[in-house]
Amino acid sequence: MSIERKGVGARLSQAVVHNGIVYLAGIVADHPIPDAAGQTGQILDQIDKLLAECGTDKSKLLMATIWLADVRYYDEMNSVWDKWVSAGNTPARACVEARLAHPKYLVEIRVVAAR
């Protein structure tokens, strides 16, 4: 049994690969701006990079969990998500409103993908 970890920190790893499955940590915007669409774009760019580092891509997504600081951002976030997600390969997905780690974060996304 092998486990690969990417972006290892004291508290969490950005990605963990086990048994052909890639698990990403919750990702927030690198440079949070007061715009859910902009934050979503930054997050999806990071997800693309992490998936590539792990030898996979968004066409192999299995599951996504999206947290919004306010459910009113749902349509704005989806306007970016819908352009990004691989047509015909959409993952099982949950999207909920939650208080995020810091008020500057409006969106957080976690995905699981096959390799």
N, C-alpha and C. Protein backbone atom coordinates (compact mmCIF):
# COMPACT_ATOMS: atom_id res chain seq x y z
N MET A 1 0.85 -1.18 0.00
CA MET A 1 0.00 0.00 0.00
C MET A 1 0.90 1.24 0.00
N SER A 2 0.73 2.08 -1.01
CA SER A 2 1.51 3.31 -1.02
C SER A 2 0.58 4.51 -0.90
N ILE A 3 1.09 5.51 -0.23
CA ILE A 3 0.37 6.77 -0.08
C ILE A 3 1.33 7.87 -0.50
N GLU A 4 0.89 8.71 -1.44
CA GLU A 4 1.68 9.87 -1.88
C GLU A 4 1.03 11.12 -1.30
N ARG A 5 1.85 12.04 -0.86
CA ARG A 5 1.34 13.31 -0.33
C ARG A 5 2.01 14.46 -1.07
N LYS A 6 1.24 15.46 -1.42
CA LYS A 6 1.75 16.66 -2.11
C LYS A 6 1.41 17.88 -1.26
N GLY A 7 2.32 18.84 -1.24
CA GLY A 7 2.07 20.06 -0.46
C GLY A 7 1.89 19.76 1.02
N VAL A 8 2.81 18.97 1.55
CA VAL A 8 2.71 18.54 2.94
C VAL A 8 3.03 19.69 3.89
N GLY A 9 2.15 19.92 4.84
CA GLY A 9 2.37 20.94 5.86
C GLY A 9 2.20 20.33 7.24
N ALA A 10 2.36 21.16 8.24
CA ALA A 10 2.23 20.69 9.62
C ALA A 10 0.81 20.25 9.95
N ARG A 11 -0.18 20.88 9.30
CA ARG A 11 -1.58 20.61 9.62
C ARG A 11 -2.27 19.73 8.60
N LEU A 12 -1.89 19.86 7.33
CA LEU A 12 -2.57 19.12 6.27
C LEU A 12 -1.70 19.01 5.05
N SER A 13 -2.06 18.09 4.17
CA SER A 13 -1.44 17.96 2.85
C SER A 13 -2.43 18.51 1.84
N GLN A 14 -1.94 19.18 0.81
CA GLN A 14 -2.83 19.71 -0.22
C GLN A 14 -3.48 18.60 -1.03
N ALA A 15 -2.75 17.48 -1.19
CA ALA A 15 -3.29 16.34 -1.94
C ALA A 15 -2.73 15.05 -1.36
N VAL A 16 -3.55 14.02 -1.36
CA VAL A 16 -3.14 12.69 -0.95
C VAL A 16 -3.64 11.71 -2.01
N VAL A 17 -2.74 10.83 -2.46
CA VAL A 17 -3.09 9.83 -3.46
C VAL A 17 -2.95 8.46 -2.82
N HIS A 18 -4.03 7.68 -2.93
CA HIS A 18 -4.02 6.32 -2.39
C HIS A 18 -4.89 5.43 -3.25
N ASN A 19 -4.35 4.29 -3.63
CA ASN A 19 -5.15 3.30 -4.35
C ASN A 19 -5.80 3.87 -5.62
N GLY A 20 -5.08 4.75 -6.33
CA GLY A 20 -5.60 5.32 -7.57
C GLY A 20 -6.61 6.43 -7.40
N ILE A 21 -6.81 6.90 -6.18
CA ILE A 21 -7.76 7.99 -5.91
C ILE A 21 -6.97 9.19 -5.38
N VAL A 22 -7.30 10.37 -5.90
CA VAL A 22 -6.67 11.62 -5.50
C VAL A 22 -7.65 12.42 -4.65
N TYR A 23 -7.24 12.73 -3.44
CA TYR A 23 -8.06 13.50 -2.51
C TYR A 23 -7.40 14.86 -2.33
N LEU A 24 -8.11 15.92 -2.65
CA LEU A 24 -7.58 17.27 -2.42
C LEU A 24 -8.18 17.83 -1.15
N ALA A 25 -7.38 18.63 -0.45
CA ALA A 25 -7.88 19.37 0.70
C ALA A 25 -8.82 20.46 0.21
N GLY A 26 -9.56 21.07 1.12
CA GLY A 26 -10.38 22.22 0.74
C GLY A 26 -9.46 23.34 0.26
N ILE A 27 -9.79 23.91 -0.89
CA ILE A 27 -8.96 24.95 -1.50
C ILE A 27 -9.71 26.27 -1.45
N VAL A 28 -9.01 27.32 -1.05
CA VAL A 28 -9.55 28.68 -1.06
C VAL A 28 -8.70 29.53 -2.00
N ALA A 29 -9.16 30.72 -2.32
CA ALA A 29 -8.46 31.61 -3.24
C ALA A 29 -7.10 32.02 -2.68
N ASP A 30 -6.10 32.06 -3.57
CA ASP A 30 -4.76 32.54 -3.19
C ASP A 30 -4.78 34.01 -2.81
N HIS A 31 -5.51 34.77 -3.58
CA HIS A 31 -5.61 36.22 -3.38
C HIS A 31 -7.09 36.59 -3.34
N PRO A 32 -7.72 36.37 -2.18
CA PRO A 32 -9.17 36.60 -2.08
C PRO A 32 -9.57 38.02 -2.47
N ILE A 33 -10.49 38.09 -3.39
CA ILE A 33 -11.08 39.36 -3.77
C ILE A 33 -12.55 39.29 -3.37
N PRO A 34 -13.20 40.42 -3.19
CA PRO A 34 -14.60 40.39 -2.72
C PRO A 34 -15.59 40.04 -3.82
N ASP A 35 -15.32 38.92 -4.49
CA ASP A 35 -16.12 38.50 -5.64
C ASP A 35 -16.07 36.97 -5.70
N ALA A 36 -17.21 36.32 -5.57
CA ALA A 36 -17.25 34.86 -5.52
C ALA A 36 -16.81 34.24 -6.85
N ALA A 37 -17.13 34.87 -7.96
CA ALA A 37 -16.71 34.33 -9.26
C ALA A 37 -15.19 34.37 -9.38
N GLY A 38 -14.58 35.47 -8.99
CA GLY A 38 -13.12 35.58 -9.04
C GLY A 38 -12.44 34.57 -8.13
N GLN A 39 -12.97 34.40 -6.93
CA GLN A 39 -12.39 33.42 -6.02
C GLN A 39 -12.56 32.01 -6.58
N THR A 40 -13.70 31.72 -7.15
CA THR A 40 -13.94 30.40 -7.73
C THR A 40 -12.93 30.12 -8.84
N GLY A 41 -12.68 31.10 -9.69
CA GLY A 41 -11.70 30.93 -10.77
C GLY A 41 -10.31 30.63 -10.23
N GLN A 42 -9.90 31.35 -9.19
CA GLN A 42 -8.59 31.10 -8.57
C GLN A 42 -8.52 29.69 -8.00
N ILE A 43 -9.58 29.27 -7.36
CA ILE A 43 -9.63 27.93 -6.75
C ILE A 43 -9.55 26.85 -7.82
N LEU A 44 -10.31 27.00 -8.89
CA LEU A 44 -10.32 25.99 -9.95
C LEU A 44 -8.97 25.91 -10.65
N ASP A 45 -8.26 27.04 -10.78
CA ASP A 45 -6.90 27.02 -11.33
C ASP A 45 -5.98 26.19 -10.43
N GLN A 46 -6.11 26.38 -9.12
CA GLN A 46 -5.29 25.61 -8.18
C GLN A 46 -5.63 24.12 -8.25
N ILE A 47 -6.92 23.82 -8.39
CA ILE A 47 -7.33 22.42 -8.49
C ILE A 47 -6.74 21.79 -9.74
N ASP A 48 -6.79 22.50 -10.86
CA ASP A 48 -6.18 21.98 -12.10
C ASP A 48 -4.71 21.65 -11.89
N LYS A 49 -3.97 22.54 -11.24
CA LYS A 49 -2.53 22.33 -11.01
C LYS A 49 -2.28 21.15 -10.08
N LEU A 50 -3.03 21.06 -9.01
CA LEU A 50 -2.84 19.95 -8.07
C LEU A 50 -3.20 18.61 -8.71
N LEU A 51 -4.28 18.58 -9.46
CA LEU A 51 -4.65 17.33 -10.14
C LEU A 51 -3.56 16.91 -11.12
N ALA A 52 -3.02 17.87 -11.86
CA ALA A 52 -1.94 17.57 -12.81
C ALA A 52 -0.71 17.02 -12.08
N GLU A 53 -0.36 17.63 -10.95
CA GLU A 53 0.77 17.13 -10.15
C GLU A 53 0.56 15.69 -9.71
N CYS A 54 -0.69 15.31 -9.55
CA CYS A 54 -1.03 13.97 -9.09
C CYS A 54 -1.30 13.00 -10.26
N GLY A 55 -1.13 13.49 -11.49
CA GLY A 55 -1.29 12.62 -12.65
C GLY A 55 -2.71 12.41 -13.11
N THR A 56 -3.56 13.40 -12.90
CA THR A 56 -4.95 13.28 -13.35
C THR A 56 -5.46 14.65 -13.78
N ASP A 57 -6.76 14.76 -14.05
CA ASP A 57 -7.34 16.04 -14.44
C ASP A 57 -8.83 16.05 -14.12
N LYS A 58 -9.46 17.18 -14.39
CA LYS A 58 -10.87 17.38 -14.01
C LYS A 58 -11.84 16.43 -14.71
N SER A 59 -11.43 15.80 -15.80
CA SER A 59 -12.32 14.84 -16.48
C SER A 59 -12.49 13.56 -15.66
N LYS A 60 -11.68 13.41 -14.63
CA LYS A 60 -11.75 12.21 -13.79
C LYS A 60 -12.28 12.51 -12.38
N LEU A 61 -12.92 13.66 -12.23
CA LEU A 61 -13.50 13.99 -10.92
C LEU A 61 -14.57 12.98 -10.54
N LEU A 62 -14.55 12.59 -9.29
CA LEU A 62 -15.56 11.68 -8.75
C LEU A 62 -16.55 12.43 -7.87
N MET A 63 -16.03 13.36 -7.07
CA MET A 63 -16.87 14.06 -6.10
C MET A 63 -16.32 15.47 -5.87
N ALA A 64 -17.22 16.39 -5.60
CA ALA A 64 -16.84 17.76 -5.24
C ALA A 64 -17.72 18.22 -4.08
N THR A 65 -17.10 18.94 -3.17
CA THR A 65 -17.83 19.58 -2.09
C THR A 65 -17.50 21.07 -2.15
N ILE A 66 -18.53 21.89 -2.19
CA ILE A 66 -18.35 23.34 -2.29
C ILE A 66 -19.01 23.99 -1.09
N TRP A 67 -18.24 24.83 -0.42
CA TRP A 67 -18.78 25.61 0.70
C TRP A 67 -18.82 27.07 0.27
N LEU A 68 -19.95 27.70 0.51
CA LEU A 68 -20.13 29.12 0.22
C LEU A 68 -20.36 29.87 1.54
N ALA A 69 -19.70 31.01 1.70
CA ALA A 69 -19.90 31.81 2.91
C ALA A 69 -21.33 32.32 2.98
N ASP A 70 -21.96 32.46 1.83
CA ASP A 70 -23.35 32.90 1.75
C ASP A 70 -23.97 32.23 0.54
N VAL A 71 -25.09 31.58 0.71
CA VAL A 71 -25.73 30.85 -0.39
C VAL A 71 -26.12 31.79 -1.55
N ARG A 72 -26.16 33.09 -1.29
CA ARG A 72 -26.45 34.05 -2.37
C ARG A 72 -25.36 34.03 -3.44
N TYR A 73 -24.19 33.46 -3.15
CA TYR A 73 -23.10 33.36 -4.13
C TYR A 73 -23.26 32.15 -5.06
N TYR A 74 -24.29 31.37 -4.86
CA TYR A 74 -24.47 30.12 -5.61
C TYR A 74 -24.42 30.32 -7.13
N ASP A 75 -25.22 31.22 -7.65
CA ASP A 75 -25.26 31.43 -9.10
C ASP A 75 -23.95 32.00 -9.63
N GLU A 76 -23.35 32.91 -8.86
CA GLU A 76 -22.07 33.50 -9.26
C GLU A 76 -20.97 32.44 -9.32
N MET A 77 -20.90 31.59 -8.31
CA MET A 77 -19.92 30.51 -8.30
C MET A 77 -20.18 29.56 -9.46
N ASN A 78 -21.44 29.19 -9.67
CA ASN A 78 -21.78 28.25 -10.74
C ASN A 78 -21.49 28.81 -12.13
N SER A 79 -21.52 30.14 -12.29
CA SER A 79 -21.21 30.73 -13.60
C SER A 79 -19.78 30.40 -14.02
N VAL A 80 -18.89 30.23 -13.05
CA VAL A 80 -17.50 29.86 -13.33
C VAL A 80 -17.35 28.34 -13.35
N TRP A 81 -17.94 27.67 -12.37
CA TRP A 81 -17.88 26.20 -12.30
C TRP A 81 -18.38 25.56 -13.59
N ASP A 82 -19.54 26.01 -14.08
CA ASP A 82 -20.16 25.41 -15.26
C ASP A 82 -19.28 25.51 -16.50
N LYS A 83 -18.49 26.58 -16.62
CA LYS A 83 -17.57 26.73 -17.76
C LYS A 83 -16.34 25.85 -17.59
N TRP A 84 -15.99 25.54 -16.34
CA TRP A 84 -14.76 24.79 -16.04
C TRP A 84 -14.96 23.28 -16.06
N VAL A 85 -16.04 22.81 -15.48
CA VAL A 85 -16.24 21.36 -15.29
C VAL A 85 -16.29 20.66 -16.65
N SER A 86 -15.75 19.44 -16.70
CA SER A 86 -15.67 18.67 -17.94
C SER A 86 -17.05 18.14 -18.32
N ALA A 87 -17.55 18.59 -19.46
CA ALA A 87 -18.88 18.17 -19.94
C ALA A 87 -18.94 16.66 -20.06
N GLY A 88 -20.01 16.08 -19.54
CA GLY A 88 -20.19 14.64 -19.59
C GLY A 88 -19.45 13.89 -18.50
N ASN A 89 -18.62 14.62 -17.72
CA ASN A 89 -17.83 14.00 -16.65
C ASN A 89 -18.06 14.71 -15.33
N THR A 90 -19.25 15.23 -15.14
CA THR A 90 -19.51 15.98 -13.92
C THR A 90 -19.50 15.05 -12.70
N PRO A 91 -18.93 15.53 -11.60
CA PRO A 91 -18.84 14.69 -10.40
C PRO A 91 -20.13 14.71 -9.58
N ALA A 92 -20.23 13.77 -8.65
CA ALA A 92 -21.25 13.91 -7.61
C ALA A 92 -20.84 15.17 -6.84
N ARG A 93 -21.81 15.99 -6.43
CA ARG A 93 -21.44 17.28 -5.85
C ARG A 93 -22.40 17.68 -4.77
N ALA A 94 -21.86 18.31 -3.74
CA ALA A 94 -22.66 18.94 -2.69
C ALA A 94 -22.22 20.39 -2.60
N CYS A 95 -23.15 21.29 -2.33
CA CYS A 95 -22.84 22.70 -2.18
C CYS A 95 -23.66 23.22 -1.01
N VAL A 96 -22.97 23.75 0.00
CA VAL A 96 -23.66 24.20 1.20
C VAL A 96 -23.14 25.56 1.64
N GLU A 97 -23.95 26.23 2.44
CA GLU A 97 -23.53 27.48 3.06
C GLU A 97 -22.86 27.14 4.38
N ALA A 98 -21.71 27.78 4.63
CA ALA A 98 -20.97 27.52 5.87
C ALA A 98 -20.10 28.73 6.21
N ARG A 99 -19.84 28.92 7.47
CA ARG A 99 -18.89 29.94 7.88
C ARG A 99 -17.50 29.40 7.57
N LEU A 100 -16.74 30.12 6.75
CA LEU A 100 -15.41 29.66 6.36
C LEU A 100 -14.37 30.16 7.35
N ALA A 101 -13.13 29.72 7.20
CA ALA A 101 -12.06 29.98 8.18
C ALA A 101 -11.78 31.46 8.41
N HIS A 102 -12.02 32.29 7.40
CA HIS A 102 -11.78 33.73 7.52
C HIS A 102 -12.84 34.45 6.68
N PRO A 103 -13.30 35.60 7.13
CA PRO A 103 -14.35 36.32 6.39
C PRO A 103 -13.98 36.71 4.95
N LYS A 104 -12.69 36.80 4.65
CA LYS A 104 -12.28 37.16 3.29
C LYS A 104 -12.55 36.04 2.29
N TYR A 105 -12.73 34.81 2.78
CA TYR A 105 -13.01 33.68 1.90
C TYR A 105 -14.51 33.56 1.67
N LEU A 106 -14.91 33.52 0.41
CA LEU A 106 -16.31 33.40 0.03
C LEU A 106 -16.65 31.99 -0.45
N VAL A 107 -15.63 31.28 -0.94
CA VAL A 107 -15.81 29.96 -1.55
C VAL A 107 -14.66 29.05 -1.12
N GLU A 108 -14.97 27.80 -0.87
CA GLU A 108 -13.96 26.77 -0.65
C GLU A 108 -14.43 25.52 -1.38
N ILE A 109 -13.51 24.85 -2.06
CA ILE A 109 -13.87 23.66 -2.84
C ILE A 109 -12.89 22.53 -2.55
N ARG A 110 -13.44 21.33 -2.39
CA ARG A 110 -12.65 20.10 -2.23
C ARG A 110 -13.12 19.12 -3.30
N VAL A 111 -12.18 18.42 -3.93
CA VAL A 111 -12.55 17.42 -4.92
C VAL A 111 -11.82 16.11 -4.66
N VAL A 112 -12.39 15.05 -5.19
CA VAL A 112 -11.80 13.72 -5.21
C VAL A 112 -11.83 13.28 -6.66
N ALA A 113 -10.71 12.69 -7.13
CA ALA A 113 -10.64 12.27 -8.53
C ALA A 113 -9.95 10.92 -8.64
N ALA A 114 -10.27 10.21 -9.72
CA ALA A 114 -9.54 8.98 -10.06
C ALA A 114 -8.25 9.40 -10.77
N ARG A 115 -7.27 8.53 -10.70
CA ARG A 115 -6.01 8.83 -11.39
C ARG A 115 -5.95 8.12 -12.71
